C-alpha atoms as a PDB file:
ATOM      1  CA  MET A   1       5.866 -23.605 -13.484  1.00  0.00           C
ATOM      2  CA  THR A   2       5.779 -25.887 -10.568  1.00  0.00           C
ATOM      3  CA  LYS A   3       3.677 -25.191  -7.436  1.00  0.00           C
ATOM      4  CA  ARG A   4       6.885 -24.834  -5.326  1.00  0.00           C
ATOM      5  CA  LYS A   5       8.325 -22.326  -7.707  1.00  0.00           C
ATOM      6  CA  VAL A   6       4.965 -20.302  -7.855  1.00  0.00           C
ATOM      7  CA  ILE A   7       4.997 -20.183  -3.972  1.00  0.00           C
ATOM      8  CA  LEU A   8       8.727 -19.150  -3.852  1.00  0.00           C
ATOM      9  CA  VAL A   9       8.410 -16.545  -6.461  1.00  0.00           C
ATOM     10  CA  SER A  10       5.207 -15.041  -5.195  1.00  0.00           C
ATOM     11  CA  SER A  11       6.414 -15.136  -1.556  1.00  0.00           C
ATOM     12  CA  SER A  12       9.499 -13.258  -2.457  1.00  0.00           C
ATOM     13  CA  TYR A  13       7.506 -10.703  -4.565  1.00  0.00           C
ATOM     14  CA  PHE A  14       5.111 -10.280  -1.735  1.00  0.00           C
ATOM     15  CA  LEU A  15       7.766  -9.652   0.826  1.00  0.00           C
ATOM     16  CA  GLY A  16       9.680  -7.355  -1.495  1.00  0.00           C
ATOM     17  CA  LEU A  17       6.636  -5.406  -2.206  1.00  0.00           C
ATOM     18  CA  ILE A  18       5.812  -4.892   1.431  1.00  0.00           C
ATOM     19  CA  ILE A  19       9.281  -3.512   2.137  1.00  0.00           C
ATOM     20  CA  ALA A  20       9.242  -1.287  -0.975  1.00  0.00           C
ATOM     21  CA  VAL A  21       5.660   0.008  -0.284  1.00  0.00           C
ATOM     22  CA  THR A  22       6.665   0.677   3.394  1.00  0.00           C
ATOM     23  CA  ILE A  23       9.597   2.740   2.315  1.00  0.00           C
ATOM     24  CA  VAL A  24       7.789   4.629  -0.334  1.00  0.00           C
ATOM     25  CA  HIS A  25       4.978   5.448   2.129  1.00  0.00           C
ATOM     26  CA  GLU A  26       7.264   6.769   4.829  1.00  0.00           C
ATOM     27  CA  VAL A  27       9.356   8.643   2.302  1.00  0.00           C
ATOM     28  CA  ALA A  28       6.187  10.336   1.017  1.00  0.00           C
ATOM     29  CA  HIS A  29       5.465  11.503   4.487  1.00  0.00           C
ATOM     30  CA  VAL A  30       8.931  12.971   4.663  1.00  0.00           C
ATOM     31  CA  VAL A  31       8.505  14.752   1.497  1.00  0.00           C
ATOM     32  CA  ALA A  32       5.135  16.072   2.495  1.00  0.00           C
ATOM     33  CA  ALA A  33       6.564  17.329   5.691  1.00  0.00           C
ATOM     34  CA  LEU A  34       9.303  19.163   3.831  1.00  0.00           C
ATOM     35  CA  VAL A  35       6.613  20.598   1.494  1.00  0.00           C
ATOM     36  CA  ILE A  36       4.561  21.964   4.449  1.00  0.00           C
ATOM     37  CA  GLY A  37       7.852  23.688   5.907  1.00  0.00           C
ATOM     38  CA  VAL A  38       9.172  21.305   8.423  1.00  0.00           C
ATOM     39  CA  PRO A  39      12.905  21.538   8.376  1.00  0.00           C
ATOM     40  CA  PHE A  40      14.530  18.159   7.417  1.00  0.00           C
ATOM     41  CA  SER A  41      16.587  18.218  10.704  1.00  0.00           C
ATOM     42  CA  GLU A  42      13.419  18.244  12.687  1.00  0.00           C
ATOM     43  CA  ILE A  43      11.704  15.271  11.085  1.00  0.00           C
ATOM     44  CA  GLU A  44      11.943  11.968  13.150  1.00  0.00           C
ATOM     45  CA  ILE A  45      11.956   8.675  11.503  1.00  0.00           C
ATOM     46  CA  GLY A  46      11.389   5.813  13.951  1.00  0.00           C
ATOM     47  CA  PHE A  47       8.753   3.295  14.932  1.00  0.00           C
ATOM     48  CA  TYR A  48       5.442   3.550  16.871  1.00  0.00           C
ATOM     49  CA  GLY A  49       5.251   0.041  18.101  1.00  0.00           C
ATOM     50  CA  ILE A  50       6.135  -2.149  15.179  1.00  0.00           C
ATOM     51  CA  ASN A  51       4.891   0.482  12.618  1.00  0.00           C
ATOM     52  CA  PRO A  52       7.440   2.687  11.018  1.00  0.00           C
ATOM     53  CA  SER A  53       6.656   6.432  11.537  1.00  0.00           C
ATOM     54  CA  VAL A  54       7.497   9.946  10.711  1.00  0.00           C
ATOM     55  CA  THR A  55       6.902  12.439  13.300  1.00  0.00           C
ATOM     56  CA  ILE A  56       6.991  16.266  13.017  1.00  0.00           C
ATOM     57  CA  PRO A  57       7.405  18.889  15.697  1.00  0.00           C
ATOM     58  CA  GLU A  58       4.297  19.783  17.816  1.00  0.00           C
ATOM     59  CA  ARG A  59       4.552  23.531  16.451  1.00  0.00           C
ATOM     60  CA  PHE A  60       3.300  22.205  13.017  1.00  0.00           C
ATOM     61  CA  ILE A  61       0.225  20.432  14.475  1.00  0.00           C
ATOM     62  CA  SER A  62      -1.829  23.663  14.105  1.00  0.00           C
ATOM     63  CA  SER A  63      -1.183  23.914  10.366  1.00  0.00           C
ATOM     64  CA  ASN A  64      -3.155  21.999   7.716  1.00  0.00           C
ATOM     65  CA  LEU A  65      -1.542  18.485   7.819  1.00  0.00           C
ATOM     66  CA  SER A  66      -3.837  16.878   5.260  1.00  0.00           C
ATOM     67  CA  ILE A  67      -1.113  16.645   2.692  1.00  0.00           C
ATOM     68  CA  PHE A  68       1.233  15.107   5.397  1.00  0.00           C
ATOM     69  CA  TYR A  69      -1.395  12.559   6.477  1.00  0.00           C
ATOM     70  CA  TYR A  70      -2.606  11.410   3.105  1.00  0.00           C
ATOM     71  CA  ALA A  71       0.619  11.465   1.246  1.00  0.00           C
ATOM     72  CA  GLY A  72       1.882   8.197   2.751  1.00  0.00           C
ATOM     73  CA  GLY A  73      -1.020   6.158   1.232  1.00  0.00           C
ATOM     74  CA  LEU A  74      -1.265   8.144  -2.043  1.00  0.00           C
ATOM     75  CA  ALA A  75       2.411   7.838  -3.245  1.00  0.00           C
ATOM     76  CA  PRO A  76       2.481   3.998  -3.133  1.00  0.00           C
ATOM     77  CA  VAL A  77      -1.056   3.726  -4.622  1.00  0.00           C
ATOM     78  CA  LEU A  78       0.010   5.700  -7.738  1.00  0.00           C
ATOM     79  CA  ILE A  79       3.079   3.477  -8.188  1.00  0.00           C
ATOM     80  CA  LEU A  80       1.230   0.202  -7.495  1.00  0.00           C
ATOM     81  CA  LEU A  81      -1.549   1.132  -9.911  1.00  0.00           C
ATOM     82  CA  PHE A  82       1.088   1.982 -12.507  1.00  0.00           C
ATOM     83  CA  ILE A  83       2.762  -1.263 -12.065  1.00  0.00           C
ATOM     84  CA  TYR A  84      -0.469  -3.052 -12.188  1.00  0.00           C
ATOM     85  CA  LEU A  85      -1.947  -1.606 -15.235  1.00  0.00           C
ATOM     86  CA  LEU A  86       1.148  -1.198 -17.208  1.00  0.00           C
ATOM     87  CA  TYR A  87       2.844  -4.540 -16.329  1.00  0.00           C
ATOM     88  CA  TRP A  88       0.660  -7.278 -14.677  1.00  0.00           C
ATOM     89  CA  TYR A  89      -2.672  -6.420 -16.430  1.00  0.00           C
ATOM     90  CA  ARG A  90      -0.941  -6.311 -19.941  1.00  0.00           C
ATOM     91  CA  LYS A  91       1.073  -9.410 -19.074  1.00  0.00           C
ATOM     92  CA  TYR A  92      -1.803 -11.394 -18.103  1.00  0.00           C
ATOM     93  CA  HIS A  93      -3.737 -10.528 -21.402  1.00  0.00           C
ATOM     94  CA  ARG A  94      -0.599 -11.642 -23.372  1.00  0.00           C
ATOM     95  CA  GLU A  95       0.168 -14.731 -21.199  1.00  0.00           C
ATOM     96  CA  SER A  96      -2.795 -15.907 -19.094  1.00  0.00           C
ATOM     97  CA  SER A  97      -0.819 -17.927 -16.504  1.00  0.00           C
ATOM     98  CA  PHE A  98      -1.754 -18.508 -12.797  1.00  0.00           C
ATOM     99  CA  MET A  99       1.548 -16.924 -11.829  1.00  0.00           C
ATOM    100  CA  THR A 100       0.867 -13.744 -13.758  1.00  0.00           C
ATOM    101  CA  TRP A 101      -2.731 -13.509 -12.409  1.00  0.00           C
ATOM    102  CA  PHE A 102      -1.461 -14.098  -8.792  1.00  0.00           C
ATOM    103  CA  MET A 103       1.246 -11.499  -9.041  1.00  0.00           C
ATOM    104  CA  GLY A 104      -1.257  -8.981 -10.300  1.00  0.00           C
ATOM    105  CA  ALA A 105      -3.591  -9.831  -7.392  1.00  0.00           C
ATOM    106  CA  ILE A 106      -0.913  -9.158  -4.854  1.00  0.00           C
ATOM    107  CA  THR A 107      -0.101  -5.981  -6.459  1.00  0.00           C
ATOM    108  CA  ILE A 108      -3.678  -4.660  -6.709  1.00  0.00           C
ATOM    109  CA  ALA A 109      -4.448  -5.896  -3.167  1.00  0.00           C
ATOM    110  CA  ALA A 110      -1.509  -3.882  -1.968  1.00  0.00           C
ATOM    111  CA  ALA A 111      -2.860  -0.831  -3.795  1.00  0.00           C
ATOM    112  CA  GLY A 112      -6.193  -1.410  -2.019  1.00  0.00           C
ATOM    113  CA  PHE A 113      -4.394  -1.770   1.276  1.00  0.00           C
ATOM    114  CA  GLN A 114      -2.503   1.534   0.700  1.00  0.00           C
ATOM    115  CA  ILE A 115      -5.749   3.422  -0.402  1.00  0.00           C
ATOM    116  CA  ALA A 116      -7.317   2.452   2.927  1.00  0.00           C
ATOM    117  CA  GLN A 117      -4.192   3.232   4.938  1.00  0.00           C
ATOM    118  CA  GLY A 118      -4.036   6.660   3.304  1.00  0.00           C
ATOM    119  CA  TYR A 119      -7.591   7.299   3.873  1.00  0.00           C
ATOM    120  CA  ASN A 120      -7.427   6.213   7.601  1.00  0.00           C
ATOM    121  CA  GLU A 121      -4.319   8.246   8.224  1.00  0.00           C
ATOM    122  CA  GLY A 122      -5.847  11.329   6.709  1.00  0.00           C
ATOM    123  CA  ARG A 123      -9.614  11.077   7.571  1.00  0.00           C
ATOM    124  CA  PHE A 124      -9.277   9.412  10.933  1.00  0.00           C
ATOM    125  CA  HIS A 125      -5.846  10.442  12.092  1.00  0.00           C
ATOM    126  CA  ALA A 126      -6.503  10.506  15.908  1.00  0.00           C
ATOM    127  CA  ALA A 127      -8.037   6.975  15.603  1.00  0.00           C
ATOM    128  CA  TYR A 128      -5.208   5.797  13.373  1.00  0.00           C
ATOM    129  CA  ILE A 129      -2.607   6.881  15.978  1.00  0.00           C
ATOM    130  CA  HIS A 130      -4.683   5.536  18.868  1.00  0.00           C
ATOM    131  CA  TYR A 131      -4.996   2.005  17.147  1.00  0.00           C
ATOM    132  CA  ALA A 132      -1.498   1.975  15.656  1.00  0.00           C
ATOM    133  CA  GLY A 133      -0.219  -0.752  17.977  1.00  0.00           C
ATOM    134  CA  SER A 134      -3.382  -2.803  17.662  1.00  0.00           C
ATOM    135  CA  LEU A 135      -3.675  -5.623  15.084  1.00  0.00           C
ATOM    136  CA  PHE A 136      -7.317  -5.706  15.265  1.00  0.00           C
ATOM    137  CA  ASN A 137      -9.329  -2.453  15.350  1.00  0.00           C
ATOM    138  CA  ILE A 138     -12.339  -0.585  13.799  1.00  0.00           C
ATOM    139  CA  LEU A 139     -10.141   0.954  11.208  1.00  0.00           C
ATOM    140  CA  GLN A 140      -9.231  -2.524   9.679  1.00  0.00           C
ATOM    141  CA  ILE A 141     -12.726  -2.599   8.170  1.00  0.00           C
ATOM    142  CA  ASN A 142     -11.800   0.000   5.625  1.00  0.00           C
ATOM    143  CA  ILE A 143      -8.701  -1.902   4.873  1.00  0.00           C
ATOM    144  CA  LEU A 144     -10.448  -5.193   4.436  1.00  0.00           C
ATOM    145  CA  ALA A 145     -13.160  -3.624   2.355  1.00  0.00           C
ATOM    146  CA  LEU A 146     -10.787  -1.926  -0.070  1.00  0.00           C
ATOM    147  CA  VAL A 147      -8.498  -4.972  -0.300  1.00  0.00           C
ATOM    148  CA  ILE A 148     -11.636  -7.095  -1.162  1.00  0.00           C
ATOM    149  CA  ILE A 149     -12.796  -4.373  -3.728  1.00  0.00           C
ATOM    150  CA  ALA A 150      -9.185  -4.409  -5.298  1.00  0.00           C
ATOM    151  CA  ILE A 151      -9.223  -8.111  -5.704  1.00  0.00           C
ATOM    152  CA  LEU A 152     -12.705  -8.204  -7.103  1.00  0.00           C
ATOM    153  CA  THR A 153     -11.658  -5.521  -9.608  1.00  0.00           C
ATOM    154  CA  HIS A 154      -8.711  -7.716 -10.493  1.00  0.00           C
ATOM    155  CA  ILE A 155     -10.937 -10.691 -11.059  1.00  0.00           C
ATOM    156  CA  ILE A 156     -13.111  -8.569 -13.321  1.00  0.00           C
ATOM    157  CA  LEU A 157     -10.115  -7.284 -15.301  1.00  0.00           C
ATOM    158  CA  CYS A 158      -8.350 -10.650 -15.390  1.00  0.00           C
ATOM    159  CA  PRO A 159     -10.796 -13.340 -15.236  1.00  0.00           C
ATOM    160  CA  ILE A 160      -9.783 -16.602 -13.555  1.00  0.00           C
ATOM    161  CA  SER A 161     -11.529 -18.640 -16.301  1.00  0.00           C
ATOM    162  CA  LYS A 162      -9.008 -17.295 -18.918  1.00  0.00           C
ATOM    163  CA  ILE A 163      -5.931 -18.779 -17.180  1.00  0.00           C
ATOM    164  CA  LYS A 164      -4.312 -21.253 -19.324  1.00  0.00           C
ATOM    165  CA  ARG A 165      -4.052 -24.625 -17.619  1.00  0.00           C
ATOM    166  CA  GLY A 166      -0.835 -26.688 -17.726  1.00  0.00           C
END
C-alpha cells in the first residue's frame, strides 16, 4: 500500500472513529439518564462550547449521578476494546502490515482517551465541567497518560519489529 493511501485510509478511519465514539459517548449519557429516572423529554442535548453535552434537570443533581457521569466513557471503551481485540489485534497477527498496526494503534489510543474521559467526568465532574471549554487543563494529564499507556500496550501486544516490510 502506498504512503498516500495509508494516510488517506487512516485519516478517514480516525475521523470516522471520532464521530462514532462521540455519538456513542453522548448516547450512553442519554441512556444512563433514562436509567436514573430522567424523563426523555427533559434531557437536553446540545453543546458546551464546542463539546457535545447531555444536560439533565437540576432536580436530579441530588441523586447519585455516578452512572450518568461514567457511562459516557465506559460505553465507547467497551466497543473500542472489542473492535481492537477481535479485529485489529487478530488481523495484525495474521497480516503484520504497517496499516494494520497503525489502525490498531488509533483504535486503542481512542479507548485510552475514553477511559480517561470517563474517569474525568465521573471522578472530577466539577473540574471537568469547569475546564470543558479549555483545550489545555490539568485533567489533560489523565488523558495523555492513558493514551500513552494504551499505545505502549499496543506496542507490546503488536510489536513493531514484526511488521512485514514492503
